[in-house]
């Protein structure tokens, strides 16, 4: 290990580059504030629909099965839960992809 203090001027170019990248990112965020708000609202709506559609389709299929093939089990409840699980998985996967894309874009902008 080297216990000698580092020269603060040796980190200067790296520090200046990091500060410049953060300032640029802040300015870009200020310019796109309205688009960011609408993008966020649109994303919330898209996530909501990606959960709601499979849930409703599962419930509708379950109702149809219960009416045409009555039995001891409730297909409506089972397929409603299955549709909800599929919708939540779909939303989680979509959010993970968007998060990864935003991280990659941020890393590319920092360079």
Protein backbone atom coordinates (compact mmCIF):
# COMPACT_ATOMS: atom_id res chain seq x y z
CA UNK A 1 0.00 0.00 0.00
CA UNK A 2 1.12 3.50 -0.69
CA UNK A 3 0.43 5.81 2.27
CA UNK A 4 1.72 8.91 0.53
CA UNK A 5 -0.98 11.51 -0.15
CA UNK A 6 -2.01 11.83 -3.76
CA UNK A 7 -1.40 15.01 -5.64
CA UNK A 8 -4.82 16.78 -5.91
CA UNK A 9 -3.88 18.28 -9.26
CA UNK A 10 -3.55 14.79 -10.78
CA UNK A 11 -7.34 14.28 -10.54
CA UNK A 12 -8.14 17.69 -11.99
CA UNK A 13 -8.90 16.66 -15.60
CA UNK A 14 -11.06 13.75 -14.44
CA UNK A 15 -12.94 15.96 -11.98
CA UNK A 16 -13.47 18.67 -14.58
CA UNK A 17 -14.83 16.09 -17.03
CA UNK A 18 -17.25 14.70 -14.43
CA UNK A 19 -18.49 18.16 -13.45
CA UNK A 20 -18.92 19.08 -17.11
CA UNK A 21 -20.92 15.90 -17.80
CA UNK A 22 -23.21 16.52 -14.82
CA UNK A 23 -23.77 20.14 -15.84
CA UNK A 24 -24.63 19.08 -19.39
CA UNK A 25 -27.05 16.43 -18.09
CA UNK A 26 -28.73 18.99 -15.81
CA UNK A 27 -29.15 21.49 -18.64
CA UNK A 28 -30.60 18.79 -20.89
CA UNK A 29 -33.04 17.75 -18.15
CA UNK A 30 -34.19 21.35 -17.69
CA UNK A 31 -34.83 21.71 -21.40
CA UNK A 32 -36.90 18.50 -21.54
CA UNK A 33 -38.99 19.03 -18.38
CA UNK A 34 -42.37 19.10 -20.11
CA UNK A 35 -41.51 16.10 -22.25
CA UNK A 36 -40.29 14.27 -19.14
CA UNK A 37 -43.57 14.84 -17.33
CA UNK A 38 -45.64 13.67 -20.28
CA UNK A 39 -43.28 10.75 -20.82
CA UNK A 40 -43.71 9.74 -17.18
CA UNK A 41 -47.50 9.95 -17.37
CA UNK A 42 -47.49 7.98 -20.60
CA UNK A 43 -45.26 5.34 -19.04
CA UNK A 44 -47.60 5.01 -16.06
CA UNK A 45 -50.53 4.54 -18.44
CA UNK A 46 -48.65 2.00 -20.51
CA UNK A 47 -47.68 0.02 -17.43
CA UNK A 48 -51.27 0.13 -16.18
CA UNK A 49 -52.61 -1.16 -19.46
CA UNK A 50 -49.94 -3.86 -19.65
CA UNK A 51 -51.29 -5.21 -16.35
CA UNK A 52 -55.00 -4.53 -16.96
CA UNK A 53 -55.33 -6.14 -20.41
CA UNK A 54 -54.06 -9.64 -19.48
CA UNK A 55 -56.08 -9.51 -16.24
CA UNK A 56 -59.30 -8.66 -18.08
CA UNK A 57 -58.63 -11.21 -20.80
CA UNK A 58 -58.07 -13.89 -18.15
CA UNK A 59 -61.29 -12.94 -16.38
CA UNK A 60 -63.27 -12.94 -19.65
CA UNK A 61 -61.90 -16.34 -20.66
CA UNK A 62 -62.65 -17.65 -17.16
CA UNK A 63 -66.25 -16.40 -17.35
CA UNK A 64 -66.69 -18.05 -20.72
CA UNK A 65 -65.26 -21.34 -19.43
CA UNK A 66 -67.47 -21.20 -16.30
CA UNK A 67 -70.59 -20.66 -18.42
CA UNK A 68 -69.84 -23.34 -21.01
CA UNK A 69 -68.11 -25.93 -18.80
CA UNK A 70 -69.48 -25.58 -15.26
CA UNK A 71 -67.64 -27.53 -12.62
CA UNK A 72 -66.38 -27.44 -9.08
CA UNK A 73 -63.62 -24.95 -9.88
CA UNK A 74 -63.91 -21.28 -10.63
CA UNK A 75 -62.09 -20.70 -13.88
CA UNK A 76 -62.84 -16.99 -13.58
CA UNK A 77 -60.85 -16.60 -10.38
CA UNK A 78 -58.01 -18.84 -11.52
CA UNK A 79 -57.57 -17.12 -14.88
CA UNK A 80 -57.99 -13.67 -13.32
CA UNK A 81 -55.03 -14.40 -11.03
CA UNK A 82 -53.05 -15.92 -13.91
CA UNK A 83 -53.72 -12.86 -16.08
CA UNK A 84 -52.68 -10.57 -13.25
CA UNK A 85 -49.44 -12.51 -12.77
CA UNK A 86 -48.68 -12.39 -16.51
CA UNK A 87 -49.45 -8.66 -16.62
CA UNK A 88 -47.22 -7.90 -13.64
CA UNK A 89 -44.37 -9.94 -15.14
CA UNK A 90 -44.81 -8.15 -18.46
CA UNK A 91 -44.74 -4.72 -16.76
CA UNK A 92 -41.69 -5.67 -14.69
CA UNK A 93 -39.83 -6.85 -17.80
CA UNK A 94 -40.71 -3.69 -19.71
CA UNK A 95 -39.58 -1.43 -16.84
CA UNK A 96 -36.31 -3.36 -16.51
CA UNK A 97 -35.63 -2.87 -20.23
CA UNK A 98 -36.39 0.86 -20.05
CA UNK A 99 -34.19 1.23 -16.96
CA UNK A 100 -31.31 -0.53 -18.71
CA UNK A 101 -31.71 1.70 -21.78
CA UNK A 102 -31.69 4.83 -19.59
CA UNK A 103 -28.55 3.65 -17.77
CA UNK A 104 -26.77 2.93 -21.04
CA UNK A 105 -27.74 6.36 -22.39
CA UNK A 106 -26.49 8.04 -19.20
CA UNK A 107 -23.18 6.15 -19.39
CA UNK A 108 -22.78 7.12 -23.05
CA UNK A 109 -23.44 10.79 -22.18
CA UNK A 110 -20.94 10.70 -19.31
CA UNK A 111 -18.10 9.62 -21.61
